[in-house]
Structure formats: C-alpha cells, structure tokens
PDB file of N, CA and C in Angstrom:
ATOM      1  N   MET A   1      -0.228 -23.722 -19.907  1.00  0.00           N
ATOM      2  CA  MET A   1       1.387 -23.581 -19.593  1.00  0.00           C
ATOM      3  C   MET A   1       1.095 -23.403 -18.018  1.00  0.00           C
ATOM      4  N   SER A   2       2.435 -23.144 -17.521  1.00  0.00           N
ATOM      5  CA  SER A   2       2.375 -24.309 -16.111  1.00  0.00           C
ATOM      6  C   SER A   2       2.337 -22.664 -15.940  1.00  0.00           C
ATOM      7  N   THR A   3       1.822 -22.008 -14.107  1.00  0.00           N
ATOM      8  CA  THR A   3       2.223 -20.753 -13.132  1.00  0.00           C
ATOM      9  C   THR A   3       3.671 -20.466 -13.528  1.00  0.00           C
ATOM     10  N   ASN A   4       4.413 -21.508 -13.078  1.00  0.00           N
ATOM     11  CA  ASN A   4       6.039 -21.072 -12.717  1.00  0.00           C
ATOM     12  C   ASN A   4       7.202 -20.825 -13.958  1.00  0.00           C
ATOM     13  N   LYS A   5       5.743 -21.760 -15.055  1.00  0.00           N
ATOM     14  CA  LYS A   5       6.991 -20.972 -16.507  1.00  0.00           C
ATOM     15  C   LYS A   5       6.291 -19.494 -16.757  1.00  0.00           C
ATOM     16  N   LEU A   6       5.174 -19.260 -16.402  1.00  0.00           N
ATOM     17  CA  LEU A   6       4.887 -18.341 -17.106  1.00  0.00           C
ATOM     18  C   LEU A   6       5.162 -16.742 -15.941  1.00  0.00           C
ATOM     19  N   GLU A   7       5.467 -17.413 -14.597  1.00  0.00           N
ATOM     20  CA  GLU A   7       6.085 -16.511 -13.548  1.00  0.00           C
ATOM     21  C   GLU A   7       7.907 -15.911 -14.153  1.00  0.00           C
ATOM     22  N   ASN A   8       8.455 -17.227 -15.092  1.00  0.00           N
ATOM     23  CA  ASN A   8       9.409 -16.898 -15.362  1.00  0.00           C
ATOM     24  C   ASN A   8      10.190 -15.620 -16.483  1.00  0.00           C
ATOM     25  N   LYS A   9       8.605 -15.719 -17.361  1.00  0.00           N
ATOM     26  CA  LYS A   9       8.665 -15.080 -17.975  1.00  0.00           C
ATOM     27  C   LYS A   9       8.594 -13.215 -18.115  1.00  0.00           C
ATOM     28  N   ILE A  10       7.712 -13.454 -16.427  1.00  0.00           N
ATOM     29  CA  ILE A  10       6.887 -11.910 -16.687  1.00  0.00           C
ATOM     30  C   ILE A  10       8.730 -10.841 -15.925  1.00  0.00           C
ATOM     31  N   PRO A  11       8.974  -9.891 -16.472  1.00  0.00           N
ATOM     32  CA  PRO A  11      10.406  -9.155 -15.592  1.00  0.00           C
ATOM     33  C   PRO A  11       9.487  -9.091 -14.354  1.00  0.00           C
ATOM     34  N   ILE A  12      10.594  -9.071 -13.139  1.00  0.00           N
ATOM     35  CA  ILE A  12      10.468  -8.892 -11.889  1.00  0.00           C
ATOM     36  C   ILE A  12       9.859  -7.019 -11.836  1.00  0.00           C
ATOM     37  N   TRP A  13      10.447  -5.894 -12.685  1.00  0.00           N
ATOM     38  CA  TRP A  13       9.649  -5.085 -12.162  1.00  0.00           C
ATOM     39  C   TRP A  13       8.720  -4.452 -13.765  1.00  0.00           C
ATOM     40  N   CYS A  14       7.621  -5.508 -14.200  1.00  0.00           N
ATOM     41  CA  CYS A  14       6.447  -5.510 -14.503  1.00  0.00           C
ATOM     42  C   CYS A  14       5.036  -6.689 -13.590  1.00  0.00           C
ATOM     43  N   LYS A  15       6.002  -6.871 -12.731  1.00  0.00           N
ATOM     44  CA  LYS A  15       5.081  -7.782 -11.792  1.00  0.00           C
ATOM     45  C   LYS A  15       4.664  -6.843 -10.299  1.00  0.00           C
ATOM     46  N   TYR A  16       3.063  -6.561 -10.735  1.00  0.00           N
ATOM     47  CA  TYR A  16       2.166  -6.005  -9.710  1.00  0.00           C
ATOM     48  C   TYR A  16       2.898  -5.773  -8.179  1.00  0.00           C
ATOM     49  N   THR A  17       2.349  -7.430  -7.990  1.00  0.00           N
ATOM     50  CA  THR A  17       3.160  -7.724  -6.511  1.00  0.00           C
ATOM     51  C   THR A  17       4.287  -8.099  -6.394  1.00  0.00           C
ATOM     52  N   LEU A  18       5.219  -8.593  -5.783  1.00  0.00           N
ATOM     53  CA  LEU A  18       6.245  -9.640  -5.493  1.00  0.00           C
ATOM     54  C   LEU A  18       6.433  -9.956  -4.391  1.00  0.00           C
ATOM     55  N   THR A  19       6.252 -11.312  -4.417  1.00  0.00           N
ATOM     56  CA  THR A  19       7.081 -12.184  -3.124  1.00  0.00           C
ATOM     57  C   THR A  19       7.817 -11.948  -2.308  1.00  0.00           C
ATOM     58  N   ILE A  20       8.517 -12.223  -1.579  1.00  0.00           N
ATOM     59  CA  ILE A  20       8.803 -11.364  -0.153  1.00  0.00           C
ATOM     60  C   ILE A  20      10.727 -11.308  -0.808  1.00  0.00           C
ATOM     61  N   GLU A  21      10.822 -12.823  -1.005  1.00  0.00           N
ATOM     62  CA  GLU A  21      12.042 -12.663  -1.452  1.00  0.00           C
ATOM     63  C   GLU A  21      12.894 -11.998  -2.766  1.00  0.00           C
ATOM     64  N   GLU A  22      11.715 -11.783  -3.720  1.00  0.00           N
ATOM     65  CA  GLU A  22      11.688 -11.089  -5.467  1.00  0.00           C
ATOM     66  C   GLU A  22      11.528  -9.213  -4.350  1.00  0.00           C
ATOM     67  N   ALA A  23      10.640  -8.712  -3.653  1.00  0.00           N
ATOM     68  CA  ALA A  23      11.032  -7.764  -3.327  1.00  0.00           C
ATOM     69  C   ALA A  23      12.513  -7.585  -2.694  1.00  0.00           C
ATOM     70  N   ALA A  24      13.125  -8.295  -1.876  1.00  0.00           N
ATOM     71  CA  ALA A  24      14.259  -7.716  -1.351  1.00  0.00           C
ATOM     72  C   ALA A  24      15.667  -8.082  -1.889  1.00  0.00           C
ATOM     73  N   ALA A  25      15.658  -8.512  -3.084  1.00  0.00           N
ATOM     74  CA  ALA A  25      16.215  -8.965  -4.272  1.00  0.00           C
ATOM     75  C   ALA A  25      16.161  -7.988  -5.262  1.00  0.00           C
ATOM     76  N   TYR A  26      15.112  -7.225  -5.107  1.00  0.00           N
ATOM     77  CA  TYR A  26      14.746  -5.677  -6.477  1.00  0.00           C
ATOM     78  C   TYR A  26      15.291  -4.787  -5.879  1.00  0.00           C
ATOM     79  N   PHE A  27      14.768  -4.469  -3.915  1.00  0.00           N
ATOM     80  CA  PHE A  27      15.440  -3.344  -3.745  1.00  0.00           C
ATOM     81  C   PHE A  27      16.383  -3.960  -2.785  1.00  0.00           C
ATOM     82  N   ARG A  28      17.081  -4.797  -3.046  1.00  0.00           N
ATOM     83  CA  ARG A  28      17.864  -5.098  -2.809  1.00  0.00           C
ATOM     84  C   ARG A  28      17.917  -4.440  -0.611  1.00  0.00           C
ATOM     85  N   ILE A  29      16.707  -5.183  -0.288  1.00  0.00           N
ATOM     86  CA  ILE A  29      17.099  -5.452   1.035  1.00  0.00           C
ATOM     87  C   ILE A  29      17.013  -7.107   1.470  1.00  0.00           C
ATOM     88  N   GLY A  30      17.756  -7.192   1.958  1.00  0.00           N
ATOM     89  CA  GLY A  30      17.309  -8.624   2.893  1.00  0.00           C
ATOM     90  C   GLY A  30      16.374  -9.216   3.156  1.00  0.00           C
ATOM     91  N   GLU A  31      16.064 -10.245   2.811  1.00  0.00           N
ATOM     92  CA  GLU A  31      14.901 -11.355   2.893  1.00  0.00           C
ATOM     93  C   GLU A  31      14.447 -11.087   4.682  1.00  0.00           C
ATOM     94  N   THR A  32      15.247 -10.771   5.365  1.00  0.00           N
ATOM     95  CA  THR A  32      14.812 -10.957   6.994  1.00  0.00           C
ATOM     96  C   THR A  32      14.441  -9.596   7.209  1.00  0.00           C
ATOM     97  N   LYS A  33      14.921  -8.752   6.675  1.00  0.00           N
ATOM     98  CA  LYS A  33      14.613  -6.691   6.702  1.00  0.00           C
ATOM     99  C   LYS A  33      13.009  -6.336   6.648  1.00  0.00           C
ATOM    100  N   MET A  34      12.834  -7.101   5.609  1.00  0.00           N
ATOM    101  CA  MET A  34      11.744  -7.460   4.232  1.00  0.00           C
ATOM    102  C   MET A  34      10.534  -8.185   5.154  1.00  0.00           C
ATOM    103  N   ARG A  35      11.196  -9.368   5.793  1.00  0.00           N
ATOM    104  CA  ARG A  35      10.512  -9.744   6.541  1.00  0.00           C
ATOM    105  C   ARG A  35       9.808  -9.020   7.681  1.00  0.00           C
ATOM    106  N   TYR A  36      10.741  -8.460   8.192  1.00  0.00           N
ATOM    107  CA  TYR A  36      10.584  -7.867   9.622  1.00  0.00           C
ATOM    108  C   TYR A  36       9.843  -6.404   9.448  1.00  0.00           C
ATOM    109  N   LEU A  37       9.615  -5.688   7.884  1.00  0.00           N
ATOM    110  CA  LEU A  37       8.598  -4.722   7.444  1.00  0.00           C
ATOM    111  C   LEU A  37       7.538  -4.894   7.329  1.00  0.00           C
ATOM    112  N   VAL A  38       7.043  -6.356   7.088  1.00  0.00           N
ATOM    113  CA  VAL A  38       6.039  -7.169   6.894  1.00  0.00           C
ATOM    114  C   VAL A  38       5.079  -7.311   7.601  1.00  0.00           C
ATOM    115  N   HIS A  39       6.018  -7.810   9.069  1.00  0.00           N
ATOM    116  CA  HIS A  39       5.406  -8.791  10.666  1.00  0.00           C
ATOM    117  C   HIS A  39       5.022  -7.672  10.910  1.00  0.00           C
ATOM    118  N   ASP A  40       5.803  -6.203  10.665  1.00  0.00           N
ATOM    119  CA  ASP A  40       6.039  -5.037  11.856  1.00  0.00           C
ATOM    120  C   ASP A  40       4.728  -3.978  11.388  1.00  0.00           C
ATOM    121  N   ASN A  41       4.634  -4.781   9.686  1.00  0.00           N
ATOM    122  CA  ASN A  41       3.414  -3.222   9.493  1.00  0.00           C
ATOM    123  C   ASN A  41       2.787  -4.679   8.565  1.00  0.00           C
ATOM    124  N   PRO A  42       1.805  -5.285   9.584  1.00  0.00           N
ATOM    125  CA  PRO A  42       0.801  -6.080   7.757  1.00  0.00           C
ATOM    126  C   PRO A  42      -0.245  -5.164   7.474  1.00  0.00           C
ATOM    127  N   ASN A  43      -1.045  -4.546   7.968  1.00  0.00           N
ATOM    128  CA  ASN A  43      -2.162  -3.880   7.615  1.00  0.00           C
ATOM    129  C   ASN A  43      -1.462  -2.399   6.913  1.00  0.00           C
ATOM    130  N   ALA A  44      -0.321  -2.265   6.448  1.00  0.00           N
ATOM    131  CA  ALA A  44       0.413  -1.509   5.183  1.00  0.00           C
ATOM    132  C   ALA A  44       0.364  -2.221   4.073  1.00  0.00           C
ATOM    133  N   GLU A  45       0.044  -0.825   3.617  1.00  0.00           N
ATOM    134  CA  GLU A  45      -0.900  -0.426   1.986  1.00  0.00           C
ATOM    135  C   GLU A  45      -0.477  -0.800   1.010  1.00  0.00           C
ATOM    136  N   TYR A  46       0.888  -1.190   1.247  1.00  0.00           N
ATOM    137  CA  TYR A  46       1.788  -1.787   0.300  1.00  0.00           C
ATOM    138  C   TYR A  46       1.646  -3.305   0.523  1.00  0.00           C
ATOM    139  N   VAL A  47       0.884  -4.014   0.950  1.00  0.00           N
ATOM    140  CA  VAL A  47       0.956  -5.446   1.603  1.00  0.00           C
ATOM    141  C   VAL A  47      -0.056  -6.452   1.158  1.00  0.00           C
ATOM    142  N   LEU A  48      -0.260  -6.908   0.177  1.00  0.00           N
ATOM    143  CA  LEU A  48      -1.281  -8.232  -0.452  1.00  0.00           C
ATOM    144  C   LEU A  48      -1.327  -9.262   0.602  1.00  0.00           C
ATOM    145  N   TRP A  49      -1.821  -9.434   1.820  1.00  0.00           N
ATOM    146  CA  TRP A  49      -2.085 -11.426   2.023  1.00  0.00           C
ATOM    147  C   TRP A  49      -2.420 -11.988   0.869  1.00  0.00           C
ATOM    148  N   ASN A  50      -2.257 -13.371   0.269  1.00  0.00           N
ATOM    149  CA  ASN A  50      -2.295 -14.110  -0.535  1.00  0.00           C
ATOM    150  C   ASN A  50      -2.798 -15.215   0.768  1.00  0.00           C
ATOM    151  N   GLY A  51      -3.741 -15.631   1.513  1.00  0.00           N
ATOM    152  CA  GLY A  51      -4.244 -16.149   2.234  1.00  0.00           C
ATOM    153  C   GLY A  51      -2.894 -15.763   3.440  1.00  0.00           C
ATOM    154  N   ASN A  52      -1.726 -17.153   3.979  1.00  0.00           N
ATOM    155  CA  ASN A  52      -0.939 -15.956   4.721  1.00  0.00           C
ATOM    156  C   ASN A  52       0.596 -15.690   4.107  1.00  0.00           C
ATOM    157  N   ARG A  53       0.520 -15.643   3.097  1.00  0.00           N
ATOM    158  CA  ARG A  53       1.437 -15.349   2.180  1.00  0.00           C
ATOM    159  C   ARG A  53       1.533 -13.940   1.773  1.00  0.00           C
ATOM    160  N   ALA A  54       2.353 -13.727   2.596  1.00  0.00           N
ATOM    161  CA  ALA A  54       2.488 -11.511   1.981  1.00  0.00           C
ATOM    162  C   ALA A  54       2.874 -11.460   0.714  1.00  0.00           C
ATOM    163  N   GLN A  55       2.074 -10.919   0.186  1.00  0.00           N
ATOM    164  CA  GLN A  55       3.137 -10.228  -1.310  1.00  0.00           C
ATOM    165  C   GLN A  55       3.230  -8.572  -1.839  1.00  0.00           C
ATOM    166  N   ILE A  56       4.036  -8.339  -1.727  1.00  0.00           N
ATOM    167  CA  ILE A  56       4.712  -6.860  -2.078  1.00  0.00           C
ATOM    168  C   ILE A  56       4.074  -5.553  -3.120  1.00  0.00           C
ATOM    169  N   LYS A  57       3.351  -4.582  -3.339  1.00  0.00           N
ATOM    170  CA  LYS A  57       2.754  -3.824  -4.269  1.00  0.00           C
ATOM    171  C   LYS A  57       3.928  -3.629  -4.451  1.00  0.00           C
ATOM    172  N   ARG A  58       4.792  -3.533  -5.735  1.00  0.00           N
ATOM    173  CA  ARG A  58       6.027  -2.965  -5.647  1.00  0.00           C
ATOM    174  C   ARG A  58       5.605  -1.243  -5.925  1.00  0.00           C
ATOM    175  N   VAL A  59       5.039  -0.937  -6.385  1.00  0.00           N
ATOM    176  CA  VAL A  59       5.103   0.401  -6.387  1.00  0.00           C
ATOM    177  C   VAL A  59       4.783   1.376  -5.388  1.00  0.00           C
ATOM    178  N   LEU A  60       3.883   0.770  -4.616  1.00  0.00           N
ATOM    179  CA  LEU A  60       3.465   1.002  -3.295  1.00  0.00           C
ATOM    180  C   LEU A  60       4.583   1.260  -2.482  1.00  0.00           C
ATOM    181  N   PHE A  61       5.149  -0.009  -2.644  1.00  0.00           N
ATOM    182  CA  PHE A  61       6.083  -0.229  -1.708  1.00  0.00           C
ATOM    183  C   PHE A  61       7.574   0.895  -2.394  1.00  0.00           C
ATOM    184  N   GLU A  62       7.125   0.662  -3.938  1.00  0.00           N
ATOM    185  CA  GLU A  62       8.462   2.302  -4.228  1.00  0.00           C
ATOM    186  C   GLU A  62       8.326   3.592  -3.342  1.00  0.00           C
ATOM    187  N   LYS A  63       7.441   4.033  -3.384  1.00  0.00           N
ATOM    188  CA  LYS A  63       6.791   5.155  -2.767  1.00  0.00           C
ATOM    189  C   LYS A  63       6.855   5.508  -0.966  1.00  0.00           C
ATOM    190  N   VAL A  64       7.644   3.994  -0.757  1.00  0.00           N
ATOM    191  CA  VAL A  64       7.019   4.414   0.934  1.00  0.00           C
ATOM    192  C   VAL A  64       9.308   4.584   1.093  1.00  0.00           C
ATOM    193  N   VAL A  65       9.564   3.502   0.336  1.00  0.00           N
ATOM    194  CA  VAL A  65      11.582   3.448   0.307  1.00  0.00           C
ATOM    195  C   VAL A  65      12.246   5.113  -0.438  1.00  0.00           C
ATOM    196  N   ASP A  66      10.822   5.777  -1.226  1.00  0.00           N
ATOM    197  CA  ASP A  66      11.413   6.901  -1.354  1.00  0.00           C
ATOM    198  C   ASP A  66      11.651   8.086  -0.325  1.00  0.00           C
ATOM    199  N   ARG A  67      10.272   7.994   0.416  1.00  0.00           N
ATOM    200  CA  ARG A  67      10.363   8.836   1.849  1.00  0.00           C
ATOM    201  C   ARG A  67      11.271   8.162   3.121  1.00  0.00           C
ATOM    202  N   MET A  68      12.064   7.002   2.658  1.00  0.00           N
ATOM    203  CA  MET A  68      12.497   6.349   3.665  1.00  0.00           C
ATOM    204  C   MET A  68      14.221   6.894   3.518  1.00  0.00           C
ATOM    205  N   ASN A  69      14.902   7.716   4.767  1.00  0.00           N
ATOM    206  CA  ASN A  69      16.098   7.798   4.807  1.00  0.00           C
ATOM    207  C   ASN A  69      17.008   6.770   4.869  1.00  0.00           C
ATOM    208  N   ALA A  70      16.901   5.317   5.572  1.00  0.00           N
ATOM    209  CA  ALA A  70      17.416   4.782   6.042  1.00  0.00           C
ATOM    210  C   ALA A  70      16.347   3.836   6.446  1.00  0.00           C
ATOM    211  N   ILE A  71      16.889   2.597   6.517  1.00  0.00           N
ATOM    212  CA  ILE A  71      15.776   1.302   7.084  1.00  0.00           C
ATOM    213  C   ILE A  71      16.299   0.537   7.228  1.00  0.00           C
TER     214      ILE A  71
END
C-alpha cells in the first residue's frame, strides 16, 4: 500500500503529527497563520521537523491553543 493511500485512511484526529495544511484545517486557522506560528517558534515543543518540513504535534498544539485567548 502506498503512503498516500495509507494517509487517507487514518483519520486526522488520530494522527500524532499533522502537516501545516492539515493543522490549519483541523484547528480552523489559516495556513498563512500556521506557517507564521511555526516560523516564529521553530523550536516550540509542538513542532517536529522532518528535514525542512514542519510537522505539528497535534495534542501538544491543542494544549497551546487551549491557553490562548486569541490567535
């Protein structure tokens, strides 16, 4: 089974990490804002780097969002 087909079968809420695009959709934040958050916080606990691609650790980012009053 190809990786792309496998990704489509795993529900987004079950994934450990999300792409910028998936995180933007899941958290209802614009992609530009998500990229800005990663760019300004490249060493944040919720960011996992896969080469030069940022992955968002879903549960950790949920905790960050819970503490925010505005994004």
